[in-house]
Amino acid sequence: MRNIPTIGAAGALLIVLLVYMCTFQVRTTEVAIIKTFGEADRNVITEPGLRLKWPWPIQSVVTYDKRLRILVDRTEETRTADSKNIILTTYAVWTIADPYKFHVSYPNEAEGERALRTKVRSHKMAVAGKHTFNEFVSTEADERRLREIEAEMLALVRQEAAEEFGVDVPMFGIKQLGLPEEVTKAVFTAMKEYEETKAANYKAEGDAAAEQIRADAEMAQERIIAVAQRQVDAIRNQTQGEVARIYQQFREHQDLRIFLDKLDALEEILRKRATLVLEPDIAPVDLFDAQRRLAPLSTENSLEAVEKAAGNNAAD
């Protein structure tokens, strides 16, 4: 009777050990492959839960993480098609899409990752060698082809990884792009010269445009001046005709003209409030003498002539 607890404990331990050896658990983030006498079963277990199996050495279980993983390639110099060096670091997002093929190709998961890394590096070097430096680094947006280069690398890596060891690569890209020091200096020098050339071209275009604007302005100025000059000439001709007509009237009435000239002269003399002592018979002071002022107008028809001239001027 004393051995009953011991026997019970041994039986319980045996049952636990048997359950442990005959069952296995698949997590939600895993897939499992059952191997019978070392031969992998093609029917991969993808659903999570507790499963039964024969104890080892009859059957064993290999599990793989089915979540997405990121593989960052090492940073190294790569040569472009035009013999220039660039420093590239790429990344690949990958997952085990076909666990059976992956297990057959690389039973050790670390070996499969190393193989994928080697493939990524190989295609990175090959694709970069087919593109020029300006497709990686350029001040002109239409010359850069980074997205196309990434897509080209992705297509090659994804195809071979799926065919050879059942790995899917949904994403691939360039994480870092750099230049060696000597290349950086050469690139900056070339970029400076290129920008200086562009600036010179812009300046030349601006000078040409300014010269054209200046020429157009001068032509417009000449046209405006010509039109204005024609108008001035027309006004001058009209004025000269009017003056000639007025002088013709003065020629017919000499006394009126002399009288007006004396008034103008007297107004000019007295404009600055000057004091003059002159003989009363000197023009135009003789206008202050009523007898002398009326003397020229006492001739026959002189008064009628003045009134007629005044009437003609008012009508004009």
C-alpha atoms as a PDB file:
ATOM      1  CA  MET A   1       0.000   0.000   0.000  1.00  0.00           C
ATOM      2  CA  ARG A   2       2.900   2.342   0.633  1.00  0.00           C
ATOM      3  CA  ASN A   3       3.953   2.106  -3.049  1.00  0.00           C
ATOM      4  CA  ILE A   4       0.560   3.258  -4.397  1.00  0.00           C
ATOM      5  CA  PRO A   5       1.456   7.019  -4.398  1.00  0.00           C
ATOM      6  CA  THR A   6       4.740   6.276  -6.061  1.00  0.00           C
ATOM      7  CA  ILE A   7       3.097   4.120  -8.653  1.00  0.00           C
ATOM      8  CA  GLY A   8       0.441   6.806  -9.224  1.00  0.00           C
ATOM      9  CA  ALA A   9       3.035   9.516  -9.630  1.00  0.00           C
ATOM     10  CA  ALA A  10       5.033   7.361 -12.002  1.00  0.00           C
ATOM     11  CA  GLY A  11       1.896   6.638 -14.019  1.00  0.00           C
ATOM     12  CA  ALA A  12       0.983  10.311 -14.182  1.00  0.00           C
ATOM     13  CA  LEU A  13       4.514  11.200 -15.273  1.00  0.00           C
ATOM     14  CA  LEU A  14       4.363   8.467 -17.893  1.00  0.00           C
ATOM     15  CA  ILE A  15       1.060   9.824 -19.199  1.00  0.00           C
ATOM     16  CA  VAL A  16       2.412  13.371 -19.307  1.00  0.00           C
ATOM     17  CA  LEU A  17       5.521  12.183 -21.114  1.00  0.00           C
ATOM     18  CA  LEU A  18       3.417  10.195 -23.571  1.00  0.00           C
ATOM     19  CA  VAL A  19       1.170  13.191 -24.229  1.00  0.00           C
ATOM     20  CA  TYR A  20       4.229  15.376 -24.726  1.00  0.00           C
ATOM     21  CA  MET A  21       5.751  12.913 -27.180  1.00  0.00           C
ATOM     22  CA  CYS A  22       2.518  12.340 -29.115  1.00  0.00           C
ATOM     23  CA  THR A  23       1.216  15.929 -29.359  1.00  0.00           C
ATOM     24  CA  PHE A  24       2.506  19.259 -30.587  1.00  0.00           C
ATOM     25  CA  GLN A  25       1.101  22.798 -30.747  1.00  0.00           C
ATOM     26  CA  VAL A  26       0.969  25.098 -33.763  1.00  0.00           C
ATOM     27  CA  ARG A  27       0.794  28.780 -32.876  1.00  0.00           C
ATOM     28  CA  THR A  28      -1.086  31.361 -34.902  1.00  0.00           C
ATOM     29  CA  THR A  29       2.192  32.778 -36.223  1.00  0.00           C
ATOM     30  CA  GLU A  30       3.599  29.412 -37.290  1.00  0.00           C
ATOM     31  CA  VAL A  31       3.284  26.675 -39.873  1.00  0.00           C
ATOM     32  CA  ALA A  32       4.367  23.089 -39.191  1.00  0.00           C
ATOM     33  CA  ILE A  33       5.741  20.171 -41.192  1.00  0.00           C
ATOM     34  CA  ILE A  34       5.536  16.580 -39.886  1.00  0.00           C
ATOM     35  CA  LYS A  35       8.502  14.402 -40.766  1.00  0.00           C
ATOM     36  CA  THR A  36       8.045  10.604 -40.732  1.00  0.00           C
ATOM     37  CA  PHE A  37      11.342   8.734 -40.444  1.00  0.00           C
ATOM     38  CA  GLY A  38      13.057  11.929 -41.663  1.00  0.00           C
ATOM     39  CA  GLU A  39      10.814  12.372 -44.722  1.00  0.00           C
ATOM     40  CA  ALA A  40       8.864  15.633 -44.778  1.00  0.00           C
ATOM     41  CA  ASP A  41       5.132  15.501 -45.400  1.00  0.00           C
ATOM     42  CA  ARG A  42       3.889  17.729 -48.222  1.00  0.00           C
ATOM     43  CA  ASN A  43       0.698  18.512 -46.306  1.00  0.00           C
ATOM     44  CA  VAL A  44       1.815  21.553 -44.343  1.00  0.00           C
ATOM     45  CA  ILE A  45      -0.185  22.399 -41.215  1.00  0.00           C
ATOM     46  CA  THR A  46      -1.157  26.080 -41.374  1.00  0.00           C
ATOM     47  CA  GLU A  47      -4.050  26.190 -38.868  1.00  0.00           C
ATOM     48  CA  PRO A  48      -3.192  26.801 -35.187  1.00  0.00           C
ATOM     49  CA  GLY A  49      -4.100  24.263 -32.509  1.00  0.00           C
ATOM     50  CA  LEU A  50      -3.023  21.087 -30.699  1.00  0.00           C
ATOM     51  CA  ARG A  51      -2.088  18.181 -32.999  1.00  0.00           C
ATOM     52  CA  LEU A  52      -1.261  14.475 -32.607  1.00  0.00           C
ATOM     53  CA  LYS A  53       1.800  12.686 -33.938  1.00  0.00           C
ATOM     54  CA  TRP A  54       3.740   9.515 -33.430  1.00  0.00           C
ATOM     55  CA  PRO A  55       6.528   9.815 -30.888  1.00  0.00           C
ATOM     56  CA  TRP A  56      10.119  10.250 -31.906  1.00  0.00           C
ATOM     57  CA  PRO A  57      11.898   8.646 -33.718  1.00  0.00           C
ATOM     58  CA  ILE A  58       8.873   7.748 -35.806  1.00  0.00           C
ATOM     59  CA  GLN A  59       7.740  11.346 -36.379  1.00  0.00           C
ATOM     60  CA  SER A  60       9.159  14.800 -35.655  1.00  0.00           C
ATOM     61  CA  VAL A  61       7.858  18.294 -36.219  1.00  0.00           C
ATOM     62  CA  VAL A  62       9.537  21.343 -37.810  1.00  0.00           C
ATOM     63  CA  THR A  63       7.890  24.754 -37.382  1.00  0.00           C
ATOM     64  CA  TYR A  64       8.539  28.006 -39.246  1.00  0.00           C
ATOM     65  CA  ASP A  65       7.469  31.542 -38.460  1.00  0.00           C
ATOM     66  CA  LYS A  66       5.075  32.700 -41.197  1.00  0.00           C
ATOM     67  CA  ARG A  67       5.215  36.404 -40.333  1.00  0.00           C
ATOM     68  CA  LEU A  68       6.876  38.981 -42.552  1.00  0.00           C
ATOM     69  CA  ARG A  69      10.548  39.567 -41.836  1.00  0.00           C
ATOM     70  CA  ILE A  70      12.965  42.258 -42.947  1.00  0.00           C
ATOM     71  CA  LEU A  71      16.374  41.470 -44.350  1.00  0.00           C
ATOM     72  CA  VAL A  72      18.735  44.452 -44.563  1.00  0.00           C
ATOM     73  CA  ASP A  73      21.649  43.922 -46.905  1.00  0.00           C
ATOM     74  CA  ARG A  74      25.101  45.095 -45.965  1.00  0.00           C
ATOM     75  CA  THR A  75      26.331  48.485 -47.173  1.00  0.00           C
ATOM     76  CA  GLU A  76      28.911  48.238 -49.945  1.00  0.00           C
ATOM     77  CA  GLU A  77      30.162  50.027 -53.030  1.00  0.00           C
ATOM     78  CA  THR A  78      28.540  49.182 -56.343  1.00  0.00           C
ATOM     79  CA  ARG A  79      29.698  50.178 -59.812  1.00  0.00           C
ATOM     80  CA  THR A  80      27.294  51.746 -62.301  1.00  0.00           C
ATOM     81  CA  ALA A  81      27.158  51.290 -66.068  1.00  0.00           C
ATOM     82  CA  ASP A  82      29.233  54.450 -66.633  1.00  0.00           C
ATOM     83  CA  SER A  83      31.990  53.228 -64.267  1.00  0.00           C
ATOM     84  CA  LYS A  84      31.115  55.330 -61.234  1.00  0.00           C
ATOM     85  CA  ASN A  85      30.935  54.014 -57.696  1.00  0.00           C
ATOM     86  CA  ILE A  86      27.922  54.384 -55.436  1.00  0.00           C
ATOM     87  CA  ILE A  87      27.186  53.015 -51.977  1.00  0.00           C
ATOM     88  CA  LEU A  88      23.944  51.030 -51.773  1.00  0.00           C
ATOM     89  CA  THR A  89      22.061  49.495 -48.876  1.00  0.00           C
ATOM     90  CA  THR A  90      18.928  47.542 -49.745  1.00  0.00           C
ATOM     91  CA  TYR A  91      16.183  45.885 -47.739  1.00  0.00           C
ATOM     92  CA  ALA A  92      13.841  42.999 -48.515  1.00  0.00           C
ATOM     93  CA  VAL A  93      10.593  42.068 -46.797  1.00  0.00           C
ATOM     94  CA  TRP A  94      10.214  38.296 -47.016  1.00  0.00           C
ATOM     95  CA  THR A  95       8.212  35.373 -45.700  1.00  0.00           C
ATOM     96  CA  ILE A  96       8.164  31.595 -46.157  1.00  0.00           C
ATOM     97  CA  ALA A  97       5.383  31.057 -48.697  1.00  0.00           C
ATOM     98  CA  ASP A  98       6.043  27.338 -49.350  1.00  0.00           C
ATOM     99  CA  PRO A  99       7.338  25.726 -46.120  1.00  0.00           C
ATOM    100  CA  TYR A 100       7.815  22.317 -47.764  1.00  0.00           C
ATOM    101  CA  LYS A 101      10.046  23.668 -50.560  1.00  0.00           C
ATOM    102  CA  PHE A 102      11.945  25.846 -48.103  1.00  0.00           C
ATOM    103  CA  HIS A 103      12.516  22.855 -45.765  1.00  0.00           C
ATOM    104  CA  VAL A 104      13.692  20.622 -48.605  1.00  0.00           C
ATOM    105  CA  SER A 105      16.087  23.316 -49.867  1.00  0.00           C
ATOM    106  CA  TYR A 106      17.287  24.583 -46.474  1.00  0.00           C
ATOM    107  CA  PRO A 107      16.298  22.523 -43.418  1.00  0.00           C
ATOM    108  CA  ASN A 108      18.004  25.184 -41.302  1.00  0.00           C
ATOM    109  CA  GLU A 109      16.137  28.496 -41.406  1.00  0.00           C
ATOM    110  CA  ALA A 110      19.344  30.500 -40.889  1.00  0.00           C
ATOM    111  CA  GLU A 111      20.870  28.882 -43.981  1.00  0.00           C
ATOM    112  CA  GLY A 112      17.822  29.893 -46.018  1.00  0.00           C
ATOM    113  CA  GLU A 113      18.153  33.489 -44.856  1.00  0.00           C
ATOM    114  CA  ARG A 114      21.834  33.512 -45.804  1.00  0.00           C
ATOM    115  CA  ALA A 115      20.957  32.184 -49.248  1.00  0.00           C
ATOM    116  CA  LEU A 116      18.357  34.931 -49.675  1.00  0.00           C
ATOM    117  CA  ARG A 117      20.906  37.548 -48.593  1.00  0.00           C
ATOM    118  CA  THR A 118      23.374  36.257 -51.194  1.00  0.00           C
ATOM    119  CA  LYS A 119      20.717  36.410 -53.890  1.00  0.00           C
ATOM    120  CA  VAL A 120      19.742  39.973 -52.932  1.00  0.00           C
ATOM    121  CA  ARG A 121      23.360  41.110 -53.088  1.00  0.00           C
ATOM    122  CA  SER A 122      23.918  39.419 -56.450  1.00  0.00           C
ATOM    123  CA  HIS A 123      20.917  41.054 -58.105  1.00  0.00           C
ATOM    124  CA  LYS A 124      21.677  44.405 -56.491  1.00  0.00           C
ATOM    125  CA  MET A 125      25.123  44.446 -58.085  1.00  0.00           C
ATOM    126  CA  ALA A 126      23.813  43.194 -61.433  1.00  0.00           C
ATOM    127  CA  VAL A 127      20.959  45.667 -61.749  1.00  0.00           C
ATOM    128  CA  ALA A 128      23.059  48.636 -60.574  1.00  0.00           C
ATOM    129  CA  GLY A 129      25.662  47.754 -63.195  1.00  0.00           C
ATOM    130  CA  LYS A 130      23.079  48.200 -65.953  1.00  0.00           C
ATOM    131  CA  HIS A 131      22.102  51.753 -64.990  1.00  0.00           C
ATOM    132  CA  THR A 132      24.028  55.013 -65.234  1.00  0.00           C
ATOM    133  CA  PHE A 133      25.019  57.253 -62.358  1.00  0.00           C
ATOM    134  CA  ASN A 134      22.437  59.910 -63.269  1.00  0.00           C
ATOM    135  CA  GLU A 135      19.661  57.363 -62.841  1.00  0.00           C
ATOM    136  CA  PHE A 136      20.639  57.136 -59.168  1.00  0.00           C
ATOM    137  CA  VAL A 137      21.812  60.703 -58.444  1.00  0.00           C
ATOM    138  CA  SER A 138      20.757  63.738 -60.473  1.00  0.00           C
ATOM    139  CA  THR A 139      19.436  67.249 -59.959  1.00  0.00           C
ATOM    140  CA  GLU A 140      16.902  66.610 -62.724  1.00  0.00           C
ATOM    141  CA  ALA A 141      13.870  64.691 -61.489  1.00  0.00           C
ATOM    142  CA  ASP A 142      13.135  63.183 -64.907  1.00  0.00           C
ATOM    143  CA  GLU A 143      16.587  61.543 -65.013  1.00  0.00           C
ATOM    144  CA  ARG A 144      16.265  59.657 -61.732  1.00  0.00           C
ATOM    145  CA  ARG A 145      15.002  56.045 -61.989  1.00  0.00           C
ATOM    146  CA  LEU A 146      15.154  54.808 -58.391  1.00  0.00           C
ATOM    147  CA  ARG A 147      11.618  53.402 -58.387  1.00  0.00           C
ATOM    148  CA  GLU A 148      12.207  51.546 -61.661  1.00  0.00           C
ATOM    149  CA  ILE A 149      15.526  50.177 -60.382  1.00  0.00           C
ATOM    150  CA  GLU A 150      13.889  48.958 -57.163  1.00  0.00           C
ATOM    151  CA  ALA A 151      11.115  47.296 -59.157  1.00  0.00           C
ATOM    152  CA  GLU A 152      13.676  45.584 -61.393  1.00  0.00           C
ATOM    153  CA  MET A 153      15.599  44.231 -58.397  1.00  0.00           C
ATOM    154  CA  LEU A 154      12.377  43.087 -56.739  1.00  0.00           C
ATOM    155  CA  ALA A 155      11.223  41.174 -59.819  1.00  0.00           C
ATOM    156  CA  LEU A 156      14.482  39.236 -60.091  1.00  0.00           C
ATOM    157  CA  VAL A 157      14.820  38.447 -56.394  1.00  0.00           C
ATOM    158  CA  ARG A 158      11.167  37.523 -55.986  1.00  0.00           C
ATOM    159  CA  GLN A 159      11.102  35.173 -58.950  1.00  0.00           C
ATOM    160  CA  GLU A 160      14.241  33.239 -58.054  1.00  0.00           C
ATOM    161  CA  ALA A 161      13.478  33.116 -54.333  1.00  0.00           C
ATOM    162  CA  ALA A 162      10.033  31.632 -55.010  1.00  0.00           C
ATOM    163  CA  GLU A 163      11.303  29.118 -57.556  1.00  0.00           C
ATOM    164  CA  GLU A 164      14.361  27.935 -55.648  1.00  0.00           C
ATOM    165  CA  PHE A 165      13.319  27.799 -52.005  1.00  0.00           C
ATOM    166  CA  GLY A 166       9.681  28.868 -51.626  1.00  0.00           C
ATOM    167  CA  VAL A 167      10.230  32.363 -50.240  1.00  0.00           C
ATOM    168  CA  ASP A 168       7.962  35.269 -51.161  1.00  0.00           C
ATOM    169  CA  VAL A 169       9.436  38.794 -51.305  1.00  0.00           C
ATOM    170  CA  PRO A 170       6.475  41.239 -51.431  1.00  0.00           C
ATOM    171  CA  MET A 171       8.599  44.360 -50.909  1.00  0.00           C
ATOM    172  CA  PHE A 172      12.098  45.447 -51.892  1.00  0.00           C
ATOM    173  CA  GLY A 173      13.781  48.838 -51.856  1.00  0.00           C
ATOM    174  CA  ILE A 174      16.902  50.947 -51.507  1.00  0.00           C
ATOM    175  CA  LYS A 175      17.337  51.909 -47.869  1.00  0.00           C
ATOM    176  CA  GLN A 176      20.420  54.089 -48.264  1.00  0.00           C
ATOM    177  CA  LEU A 177      22.215  55.633 -51.216  1.00  0.00           C
ATOM    178  CA  GLY A 178      25.588  57.258 -50.736  1.00  0.00           C
ATOM    179  CA  LEU A 179      28.703  58.278 -52.608  1.00  0.00           C
ATOM    180  CA  PRO A 180      32.394  57.670 -51.897  1.00  0.00           C
ATOM    181  CA  GLU A 181      34.334  60.774 -50.928  1.00  0.00           C
ATOM    182  CA  GLU A 182      36.197  61.129 -54.217  1.00  0.00           C
ATOM    183  CA  VAL A 183      33.009  60.617 -56.192  1.00  0.00           C
ATOM    184  CA  THR A 184      31.192  63.138 -54.012  1.00  0.00           C
ATOM    185  CA  LYS A 185      33.701  65.860 -54.858  1.00  0.00           C
ATOM    186  CA  ALA A 186      33.496  65.093 -58.566  1.00  0.00           C
ATOM    187  CA  VAL A 187      29.709  65.041 -58.465  1.00  0.00           C
ATOM    188  CA  PHE A 188      29.493  68.342 -56.623  1.00  0.00           C
ATOM    189  CA  THR A 189      31.921  69.908 -59.092  1.00  0.00           C
ATOM    190  CA  ALA A 190      29.908  68.631 -62.038  1.00  0.00           C
ATOM    191  CA  MET A 191      26.648  69.771 -60.452  1.00  0.00           C
ATOM    192  CA  LYS A 192      28.127  73.226 -59.810  1.00  0.00           C
ATOM    193  CA  GLU A 193      29.305  73.540 -63.414  1.00  0.00           C
ATOM    194  CA  TYR A 194      25.927  72.346 -64.664  1.00  0.00           C
ATOM    195  CA  GLU A 195      24.036  74.862 -62.544  1.00  0.00           C
ATOM    196  CA  GLU A 196      26.412  77.647 -63.570  1.00  0.00           C
ATOM    197  CA  THR A 197      25.782  76.763 -67.216  1.00  0.00           C
ATOM    198  CA  LYS A 198      22.041  76.852 -66.617  1.00  0.00           C
ATOM    199  CA  ALA A 199      22.376  80.234 -64.878  1.00  0.00           C
ATOM    200  CA  ALA A 200      24.399  81.588 -67.820  1.00  0.00           C
ATOM    201  CA  ASN A 201      21.753  80.339 -70.250  1.00  0.00           C
ATOM    202  CA  TYR A 202      19.005  81.947 -68.180  1.00  0.00           C
ATOM    203  CA  LYS A 203      20.954  85.219 -68.100  1.00  0.00           C
ATOM    204  CA  ALA A 204      21.490  85.123 -71.859  1.00  0.00           C
ATOM    205  CA  GLU A 205      17.795  84.450 -72.402  1.00  0.00           C
ATOM    206  CA  GLY A 206      16.932  87.306 -70.040  1.00  0.00           C
ATOM    207  CA  ASP A 207      19.300  89.680 -71.827  1.00  0.00           C
ATOM    208  CA  ALA A 208      17.820  88.718 -75.195  1.00  0.00           C
ATOM    209  CA  ALA A 209      14.293  89.222 -73.871  1.00  0.00           C
ATOM    210  CA  ALA A 210      15.263  92.575 -72.355  1.00  0.00           C
ATOM    211  CA  GLU A 211      16.842  93.665 -75.634  1.00  0.00           C
ATOM    212  CA  GLN A 212      13.698  92.667 -77.517  1.00  0.00           C
ATOM    213  CA  ILE A 213      11.517  94.553 -75.047  1.00  0.00           C
ATOM    214  CA  ARG A 214      13.788  97.577 -75.348  1.00  0.00           C
ATOM    215  CA  ALA A 215      13.652  97.444 -79.166  1.00  0.00           C
ATOM    216  CA  ASP A 216       9.862  97.110 -79.109  1.00  0.00           C
ATOM    217  CA  ALA A 217       9.630 100.066 -76.719  1.00  0.00           C
ATOM    218  CA  GLU A 218      11.856 102.196 -78.920  1.00  0.00           C
ATOM    219  CA  MET A 219       9.777 101.322 -81.987  1.00  0.00           C
ATOM    220  CA  ALA A 220       6.586 102.170 -80.096  1.00  0.00           C
ATOM    221  CA  GLN A 221       8.178 105.439 -78.951  1.00  0.00           C
ATOM    222  CA  GLU A 222       9.120 106.347 -82.508  1.00  0.00           C
ATOM    223  CA  ARG A 223       5.592 105.597 -83.720  1.00  0.00           C
ATOM    224  CA  ILE A 224       4.071 107.709 -80.935  1.00  0.00           C
ATOM    225  CA  ILE A 225       6.476 110.565 -81.627  1.00  0.00           C
ATOM    226  CA  ALA A 226       5.731 110.373 -85.349  1.00  0.00           C
ATOM    227  CA  VAL A 227       1.987 110.512 -84.711  1.00  0.00           C
ATOM    228  CA  ALA A 228       2.440 113.398 -82.265  1.00  0.00           C
ATOM    229  CA  GLN A 229       4.722 115.209 -84.711  1.00  0.00           C
ATOM    230  CA  ARG A 230       2.100 114.896 -87.435  1.00  0.00           C
ATOM    231  CA  GLN A 231      -0.487 116.326 -85.073  1.00  0.00           C
ATOM    232  CA  VAL A 232       1.899 119.157 -84.094  1.00  0.00           C
ATOM    233  CA  ASP A 233       2.558 119.918 -87.755  1.00  0.00           C
ATOM    234  CA  ALA A 234      -1.153 119.937 -88.477  1.00  0.00           C
ATOM    235  CA  ILE A 235      -1.803 122.295 -85.544  1.00  0.00           C
ATOM    236  CA  ARG A 236       1.134 124.506 -86.563  1.00  0.00           C
ATOM    237  CA  ASN A 237      -0.139 124.701 -90.134  1.00  0.00           C
ATOM    238  CA  GLN A 238      -3.621 125.517 -88.891  1.00  0.00           C
ATOM    239  CA  THR A 239      -2.194 128.159 -86.523  1.00  0.00           C
ATOM    240  CA  GLN A 240      -0.040 129.694 -89.235  1.00  0.00           C
ATOM    241  CA  GLY A 241      -3.073 129.885 -91.452  1.00  0.00           C
ATOM    242  CA  GLU A 242      -5.021 131.583 -88.649  1.00  0.00           C
ATOM    243  CA  VAL A 243      -2.136 133.996 -87.994  1.00  0.00           C
ATOM    244  CA  ALA A 244      -1.882 134.771 -91.692  1.00  0.00           C
ATOM    245  CA  ARG A 245      -5.616 135.491 -91.758  1.00  0.00           C
ATOM    246  CA  ILE A 246      -5.303 137.781 -88.711  1.00  0.00           C
ATOM    247  CA  TYR A 247      -2.292 139.589 -90.214  1.00  0.00           C
ATOM    248  CA  GLN A 248      -4.260 140.018 -93.384  1.00  0.00           C
ATOM    249  CA  GLN A 249      -6.971 141.760 -91.370  1.00  0.00           C
ATOM    250  CA  PHE A 250      -4.306 143.918 -89.640  1.00  0.00           C
ATOM    251  CA  ARG A 251      -2.914 144.755 -93.053  1.00  0.00           C
ATOM    252  CA  GLU A 252      -6.300 146.091 -94.052  1.00  0.00           C
ATOM    253  CA  HIS A 253      -6.580 148.116 -90.789  1.00  0.00           C
ATOM    254  CA  GLN A 254      -3.100 149.503 -90.052  1.00  0.00           C
ATOM    255  CA  ASP A 255      -4.343 151.951 -87.424  1.00  0.00           C
ATOM    256  CA  LEU A 256      -5.897 149.174 -85.322  1.00  0.00           C
ATOM    257  CA  ARG A 257      -2.693 147.172 -85.462  1.00  0.00           C
ATOM    258  CA  ILE A 258      -0.580 150.137 -84.402  1.00  0.00           C
ATOM    259  CA  PHE A 259      -2.990 150.860 -81.554  1.00  0.00           C
ATOM    260  CA  LEU A 260      -2.840 147.256 -80.262  1.00  0.00           C
ATOM    261  CA  ASP A 261       0.949 147.150 -80.511  1.00  0.00           C
ATOM    262  CA  LYS A 262       1.189 150.308 -78.425  1.00  0.00           C
ATOM    263  CA  LEU A 263      -1.091 148.793 -75.770  1.00  0.00           C
ATOM    264  CA  ASP A 264       1.075 145.662 -75.598  1.00  0.00           C
ATOM    265  CA  ALA A 265       4.230 147.729 -75.322  1.00  0.00           C
ATOM    266  CA  LEU A 266       2.745 149.909 -72.600  1.00  0.00           C
ATOM    267  CA  GLU A 267       1.606 146.847 -70.633  1.00  0.00           C
ATOM    268  CA  GLU A 268       5.096 145.364 -70.862  1.00  0.00           C
ATOM    269  CA  ILE A 269       6.710 148.620 -69.683  1.00  0.00           C
ATOM    270  CA  LEU A 270       4.439 149.071 -66.677  1.00  0.00           C
ATOM    271  CA  ARG A 271       4.393 145.404 -65.598  1.00  0.00           C
ATOM    272  CA  LYS A 272       7.075 145.935 -62.905  1.00  0.00           C
ATOM    273  CA  ARG A 273       5.629 149.174 -61.585  1.00  0.00           C
ATOM    274  CA  ALA A 274       8.403 151.281 -63.131  1.00  0.00           C
ATOM    275  CA  THR A 275       8.447 155.096 -63.130  1.00  0.00           C
ATOM    276  CA  LEU A 276       9.204 156.624 -66.540  1.00  0.00           C
ATOM    277  CA  VAL A 277       9.654 160.222 -67.614  1.00  0.00           C
ATOM    278  CA  LEU A 278       9.061 160.475 -71.367  1.00  0.00           C
ATOM    279  CA  GLU A 279       8.004 162.994 -73.907  1.00  0.00           C
ATOM    280  CA  PRO A 280       4.242 162.772 -74.542  1.00  0.00           C
ATOM    281  CA  ASP A 281       4.763 162.389 -78.255  1.00  0.00           C
ATOM    282  CA  ILE A 282       6.880 159.209 -77.874  1.00  0.00           C
ATOM    283  CA  ALA A 283       5.032 155.939 -78.497  1.00  0.00           C
ATOM    284  CA  PRO A 284       3.448 154.276 -76.676  1.00  0.00           C
ATOM    285  CA  VAL A 285       3.144 157.069 -74.035  1.00  0.00           C
ATOM    286  CA  ASP A 286       1.354 159.197 -76.579  1.00  0.00           C
ATOM    287  CA  LEU A 287      -1.717 157.059 -75.842  1.00  0.00           C
ATOM    288  CA  PHE A 288      -2.197 159.030 -72.597  1.00  0.00           C
ATOM    289  CA  ASP A 289      -2.770 162.188 -74.677  1.00  0.00           C
ATOM    290  CA  ALA A 290      -6.395 162.064 -75.744  1.00  0.00           C
ATOM    291  CA  GLN A 291      -5.824 164.292 -78.744  1.00  0.00           C
ATOM    292  CA  ARG A 292      -2.888 162.236 -80.000  1.00  0.00           C
ATOM    293  CA  ARG A 293      -4.695 158.930 -79.178  1.00  0.00           C
ATOM    294  CA  LEU A 294      -7.647 159.897 -81.334  1.00  0.00           C
ATOM    295  CA  ALA A 295      -5.603 161.505 -84.062  1.00  0.00           C
ATOM    296  CA  PRO A 296      -4.865 158.347 -86.017  1.00  0.00           C
ATOM    297  CA  LEU A 297      -8.479 157.338 -85.804  1.00  0.00           C
ATOM    298  CA  SER A 298      -9.808 160.637 -87.196  1.00  0.00           C
ATOM    299  CA  THR A 299      -9.024 159.625 -90.732  1.00  0.00           C
ATOM    300  CA  GLU A 300     -11.869 158.772 -93.030  1.00  0.00           C
ATOM    301  CA  ASN A 301     -13.710 155.574 -92.096  1.00  0.00           C
ATOM    302  CA  SER A 302     -11.067 154.651 -89.429  1.00  0.00           C
ATOM    303  CA  LEU A 303     -13.647 154.240 -86.657  1.00  0.00           C
ATOM    304  CA  GLU A 304     -15.895 152.219 -88.896  1.00  0.00           C
ATOM    305  CA  ALA A 305     -12.888 150.070 -89.839  1.00  0.00           C
ATOM    306  CA  VAL A 306     -12.076 149.374 -86.166  1.00  0.00           C
ATOM    307  CA  GLU A 307     -15.674 148.394 -85.427  1.00  0.00           C
ATOM    308  CA  LYS A 308     -15.774 146.227 -88.523  1.00  0.00           C
ATOM    309  CA  ALA A 309     -12.533 144.477 -87.527  1.00  0.00           C
ATOM    310  CA  ALA A 310     -13.822 143.947 -83.990  1.00  0.00           C
ATOM    311  CA  GLY A 311     -17.042 142.545 -85.368  1.00  0.00           C
ATOM    312  CA  ASN A 312     -15.168 140.160 -87.657  1.00  0.00           C
ATOM    313  CA  ASN A 313     -12.985 138.922 -84.758  1.00  0.00           C
ATOM    314  CA  ALA A 314     -16.064 138.264 -82.600  1.00  0.00           C
ATOM    315  CA  ALA A 315     -17.694 136.306 -85.427  1.00  0.00           C
ATOM    316  CA  ASP A 316     -14.549 134.207 -85.890  1.00  0.00           C
END
